[in-house]
């Protein structure tokens, strides 16, 4: 009796579940007729499941690829110890933005209400992250012909139960260590009433190699906010620890 090849069956089932989750989640977000009664609590679960499926599929596929001539792949553990930067961030806001934190804001979909929702969502994310640690796995691919890096990241924020996918857009080795540019994808943040989606941002970190170790240290700054003196606002102390060669 011929052996059954379960691999195609597995991928078919996975693809079906992924597509079904994507359709239902998108329908709930856009409030399509068939899905407009989905509660925010269940929509969050569906969105989280979709992210896990997507991140898992990308990372497993990437790790299963055979070695490519001319490229060097290295795996790192990424840790971000978030500092308490809430007061400094609030100080950076404009007067109208700070009013969003102390008033009952409209939810009528107007430009003002959308802007305030972004502010209150970011504040919620800050409060859930300060003095806690975010953790991720980084796969860096070095193009030996150019010396530049690109890569993929699976990262879990302190306030999140599920990881998000990120991308290393560019990177290069320096005399002191390693400079990387990350693209952070959208993510869901829990609010007191329901959930909200934070937009994607680009982050740049200059890592310095620690002496006598396979680790790098650096500083993670806010993508937009500045201190009162005009310097980038520090949000986390960052470490990149090499786990494979």
Protein backbone atom coordinates (compact mmCIF):
# COMPACT_ATOMS: atom_id res chain seq x y z
CA UNK A 1 0.00 0.00 0.00
CA UNK A 2 1.46 3.36 -1.03
CA UNK A 3 2.30 5.80 1.75
CA UNK A 4 0.11 8.87 2.01
CA UNK A 5 1.87 12.20 1.53
CA UNK A 6 0.39 14.46 4.19
CA UNK A 7 2.38 17.56 3.21
CA UNK A 8 -0.01 18.74 0.43
CA UNK A 9 -2.97 18.00 2.71
CA UNK A 10 -1.41 20.07 5.51
CA UNK A 11 -0.74 23.05 3.24
CA UNK A 12 -4.24 22.85 1.75
CA UNK A 13 -5.87 22.86 5.19
CA UNK A 14 -3.58 25.66 6.40
CA UNK A 15 -4.35 27.77 3.33
CA UNK A 16 -8.09 27.21 3.79
CA UNK A 17 -7.97 28.23 7.48
CA UNK A 18 -5.80 31.26 6.69
CA UNK A 19 -8.12 32.47 3.90
CA UNK A 20 -11.22 31.92 6.04
CA UNK A 21 -9.70 33.84 8.96
CA UNK A 22 -8.62 36.68 6.64
CA UNK A 23 -12.08 36.99 5.06
CA UNK A 24 -13.93 37.04 8.38
CA UNK A 25 -11.44 39.46 9.97
CA UNK A 26 -11.51 41.85 7.02
CA UNK A 27 -15.28 41.66 6.92
CA UNK A 28 -15.48 42.55 10.60
CA UNK A 29 -13.09 45.49 10.28
CA UNK A 30 -14.90 46.91 7.23
CA UNK A 31 -18.33 46.09 8.71
CA UNK A 32 -19.57 44.13 5.71
CA UNK A 33 -23.24 43.18 5.97
CA UNK A 34 -22.59 39.55 6.76
CA UNK A 35 -20.03 40.42 9.44
CA UNK A 36 -21.13 43.79 10.86
CA UNK A 37 -22.34 42.27 14.13
CA UNK A 38 -19.01 40.73 15.11
CA UNK A 39 -18.09 41.98 18.60
CA UNK A 40 -14.77 43.81 19.04
CA UNK A 41 -13.62 41.10 21.46
CA UNK A 42 -13.99 38.37 18.83
CA UNK A 43 -12.58 40.61 16.11
CA UNK A 44 -9.42 41.02 18.18
CA UNK A 45 -9.13 37.24 18.55
CA UNK A 46 -9.51 36.78 14.78
CA UNK A 47 -6.96 39.51 14.03
CA UNK A 48 -4.50 37.95 16.49
CA UNK A 49 -4.99 34.51 14.94
CA UNK A 50 -4.41 35.96 11.49
CA UNK A 51 -1.16 37.61 12.60
CA UNK A 52 0.08 34.40 14.23
CA UNK A 53 -0.70 32.41 11.08
CA UNK A 54 1.02 34.97 8.87
CA UNK A 55 4.12 35.35 11.04
CA UNK A 56 4.42 31.60 11.52
CA UNK A 57 4.11 30.90 7.81
CA UNK A 58 6.70 33.52 6.87
CA UNK A 59 9.23 32.49 9.52
CA UNK A 60 8.90 28.74 8.87
CA UNK A 61 9.19 29.23 5.12
CA UNK A 62 12.22 31.47 5.55
CA UNK A 63 13.97 29.06 7.93
CA UNK A 64 13.31 26.08 5.62
CA UNK A 65 14.94 27.72 2.59
CA UNK A 66 18.23 26.13 1.50
CA UNK A 67 21.43 28.18 1.85
CA UNK A 68 21.86 30.68 -0.97
CA UNK A 69 25.28 31.27 -2.45
CA UNK A 70 26.54 34.78 -1.81
CA UNK A 71 24.38 35.32 1.27
CA UNK A 72 25.00 34.82 4.98
CA UNK A 73 22.13 34.22 7.43
CA UNK A 74 22.43 34.98 11.16
CA UNK A 75 19.81 34.69 13.91
CA UNK A 76 19.57 37.09 16.83
CA UNK A 77 17.47 37.49 19.96
CA UNK A 78 16.18 41.07 20.30
CA UNK A 79 15.30 42.55 23.71
CA UNK A 80 13.92 46.04 24.40
CA UNK A 81 13.71 47.25 28.01
CA UNK A 82 11.19 50.11 27.83
CA UNK A 83 11.82 53.14 30.03
CA UNK A 84 9.14 55.34 31.60
CA UNK A 85 8.77 58.00 28.92
CA UNK A 86 5.07 58.83 29.37
CA UNK A 87 5.59 62.31 30.86
CA UNK A 88 8.19 63.26 28.22
CA UNK A 89 5.88 62.07 25.44
CA UNK A 90 2.92 64.05 26.81
CA UNK A 91 5.16 67.13 27.10
CA UNK A 92 6.01 66.77 23.39
CA UNK A 93 2.34 66.83 22.35
CA UNK A 94 0.72 70.05 21.16
CA UNK A 95 -1.93 71.74 23.34
CA UNK A 96 -4.74 70.43 21.14
CA UNK A 97 -3.34 66.90 21.29
CA UNK A 98 -3.07 67.03 25.09
CA UNK A 99 -6.74 67.99 25.24
CA UNK A 100 -7.50 64.58 23.73
CA UNK A 101 -6.24 63.02 26.99
CA UNK A 102 -8.53 65.03 29.28
CA UNK A 103 -11.78 65.42 27.34
CA UNK A 104 -14.54 63.13 26.17
CA UNK A 105 -13.67 62.91 22.50
CA UNK A 106 -16.25 62.48 19.73
CA UNK A 107 -16.37 59.18 17.87
CA UNK A 108 -18.14 60.48 14.79
CA UNK A 109 -15.33 59.64 12.36
CA UNK A 110 -14.35 63.28 11.90
CA UNK A 111 -10.72 64.27 11.35
CA UNK A 112 -10.50 65.54 14.94
CA UNK A 113 -11.89 62.32 16.43
CA UNK A 114 -9.51 60.17 14.36
CA UNK A 115 -6.53 62.28 15.47
CA UNK A 116 -7.57 61.99 19.11
CA UNK A 117 -8.04 58.23 18.76
CA UNK A 118 -4.41 57.95 17.60
CA UNK A 119 -3.22 59.90 20.66
CA UNK A 120 -5.24 57.90 23.20
CA UNK A 121 -4.23 54.64 21.51
CA UNK A 122 -0.53 55.50 21.73
CA UNK A 123 -0.89 56.51 25.38
CA UNK A 124 -2.51 53.15 26.14
CA UNK A 125 0.36 51.35 24.40
CA UNK A 126 2.95 53.38 26.32
CA UNK A 127 1.38 52.61 29.70
CA UNK A 128 1.31 48.90 28.93
CA UNK A 129 5.00 48.86 27.90
CA UNK A 130 6.93 51.10 30.32
CA UNK A 131 9.35 49.29 32.65
CA UNK A 132 8.69 46.02 30.83
CA UNK A 133 10.56 44.07 28.14
CA UNK A 134 9.62 43.38 24.53
CA UNK A 135 11.15 40.29 22.94
CA UNK A 136 11.74 39.18 19.37
CA UNK A 137 13.66 36.91 17.01
CA UNK A 138 15.60 38.46 14.13
CA UNK A 139 16.84 36.70 11.00
CA UNK A 140 19.43 38.84 9.20
CA UNK A 141 20.58 38.10 5.66
CA UNK A 142 23.86 39.64 4.56
CA UNK A 143 24.52 40.18 0.87
CA UNK A 144 28.23 39.37 0.67
CA UNK A 145 28.62 41.36 -2.53
CA UNK A 146 27.39 44.62 -0.97
CA UNK A 147 27.80 43.99 2.76
CA UNK A 148 24.22 45.21 3.37
CA UNK A 149 21.62 43.44 5.50
CA UNK A 150 17.92 42.73 5.18
CA UNK A 151 15.78 40.45 7.29
CA UNK A 152 12.62 39.40 9.09
CA UNK A 153 11.53 39.87 12.70
CA UNK A 154 8.95 38.21 14.92
CA UNK A 155 8.39 40.58 17.85
CA UNK A 156 6.11 40.57 20.90
CA UNK A 157 5.36 43.83 22.70
CA UNK A 158 5.03 43.74 26.52
CA UNK A 159 1.32 44.58 26.23
CA UNK A 160 0.58 41.94 23.57
CA UNK A 161 -0.09 38.24 23.80
CA UNK A 162 0.74 37.55 20.16
CA UNK A 163 3.76 38.52 18.04
CA UNK A 164 3.75 40.85 15.08
CA UNK A 165 5.88 40.66 11.96
CA UNK A 166 8.51 43.29 11.27
CA UNK A 167 11.05 43.74 8.51
CA UNK A 168 14.67 44.82 8.51
CA UNK A 169 14.67 47.22 5.58
CA UNK A 170 18.39 47.89 5.64
CA UNK A 171 21.47 47.31 7.75
CA UNK A 172 25.22 47.65 7.68
CA UNK A 173 28.19 46.86 9.85
CA UNK A 174 30.10 49.79 11.29
CA UNK A 175 33.38 50.16 13.11
CA UNK A 176 31.47 50.18 16.40
CA UNK A 177 28.84 47.55 15.62
CA UNK A 178 25.69 47.31 13.51
CA UNK A 179 23.11 49.83 12.25
CA UNK A 180 19.63 48.51 11.44
CA UNK A 181 16.42 50.07 10.07
CA UNK A 182 13.18 48.29 11.06
CA UNK A 183 9.69 48.57 9.59
CA UNK A 184 7.15 47.92 12.36
CA UNK A 185 3.83 46.66 11.03
CA UNK A 186 0.40 47.66 12.34
CA UNK A 187 -0.72 46.18 15.65
CA UNK A 188 -3.81 46.05 17.86
CA UNK A 189 -3.83 47.80 21.25
CA UNK A 190 -6.35 47.09 24.01
CA UNK A 191 -8.25 50.14 25.22
CA UNK A 192 -10.66 50.49 28.13
CA UNK A 193 -13.47 50.22 25.60
CA UNK A 194 -12.65 47.90 22.71
CA UNK A 195 -9.45 47.91 20.69
CA UNK A 196 -7.60 50.15 18.24
CA UNK A 197 -5.03 49.68 15.49
CA UNK A 198 -1.66 51.47 15.60
CA UNK A 199 -0.14 52.40 12.26
CA UNK A 200 3.20 51.12 11.01
CA UNK A 201 6.41 53.06 11.74
CA UNK A 202 10.07 52.99 10.76
CA UNK A 203 12.68 52.65 13.52
CA UNK A 204 16.46 53.04 13.34
CA UNK A 205 18.90 51.66 15.92
CA UNK A 206 22.68 52.06 16.06
CA UNK A 207 24.02 49.00 17.88
CA UNK A 208 27.45 48.93 19.52
CA UNK A 209 29.17 45.57 20.02
CA UNK A 210 29.67 44.58 23.63
CA UNK A 211 33.22 43.56 24.50
CA UNK A 212 33.91 39.83 24.80
CA UNK A 213 30.38 38.76 23.84
CA UNK A 214 28.14 38.00 20.86
CA UNK A 215 25.76 40.81 21.78
CA UNK A 216 25.14 44.38 20.67
CA UNK A 217 23.58 47.21 22.68
CA UNK A 218 21.77 50.29 21.46
CA UNK A 219 19.02 52.80 22.10
CA UNK A 220 15.51 52.73 20.65
CA UNK A 221 14.08 56.21 20.07
CA UNK A 222 10.53 57.30 19.31
CA UNK A 223 9.89 57.62 15.57
CA UNK A 224 8.65 61.23 15.90
CA UNK A 225 8.69 62.58 19.46
CA UNK A 226 11.46 64.84 20.78
CA UNK A 227 12.55 65.93 24.25
CA UNK A 228 12.21 69.55 25.43
CA UNK A 229 15.78 70.11 24.23
CA UNK A 230 14.95 68.83 20.75
CA UNK A 231 16.72 65.48 21.03
CA UNK A 232 15.08 62.17 20.00
CA UNK A 233 12.94 60.71 22.79
CA UNK A 234 14.43 57.52 24.25
CA UNK A 235 11.83 54.78 24.71
CA UNK A 236 13.91 51.63 25.32
CA UNK A 237 17.38 50.22 25.94
CA UNK A 238 17.93 47.65 23.22
CA UNK A 239 20.07 44.49 23.00
CA UNK A 240 20.72 42.19 20.05
CA UNK A 241 22.13 38.79 21.06
CA UNK A 242 23.56 36.46 18.44
CA UNK A 243 22.21 32.91 18.75
CA UNK A 244 23.55 31.33 15.53
CA UNK A 245 26.42 31.70 13.09
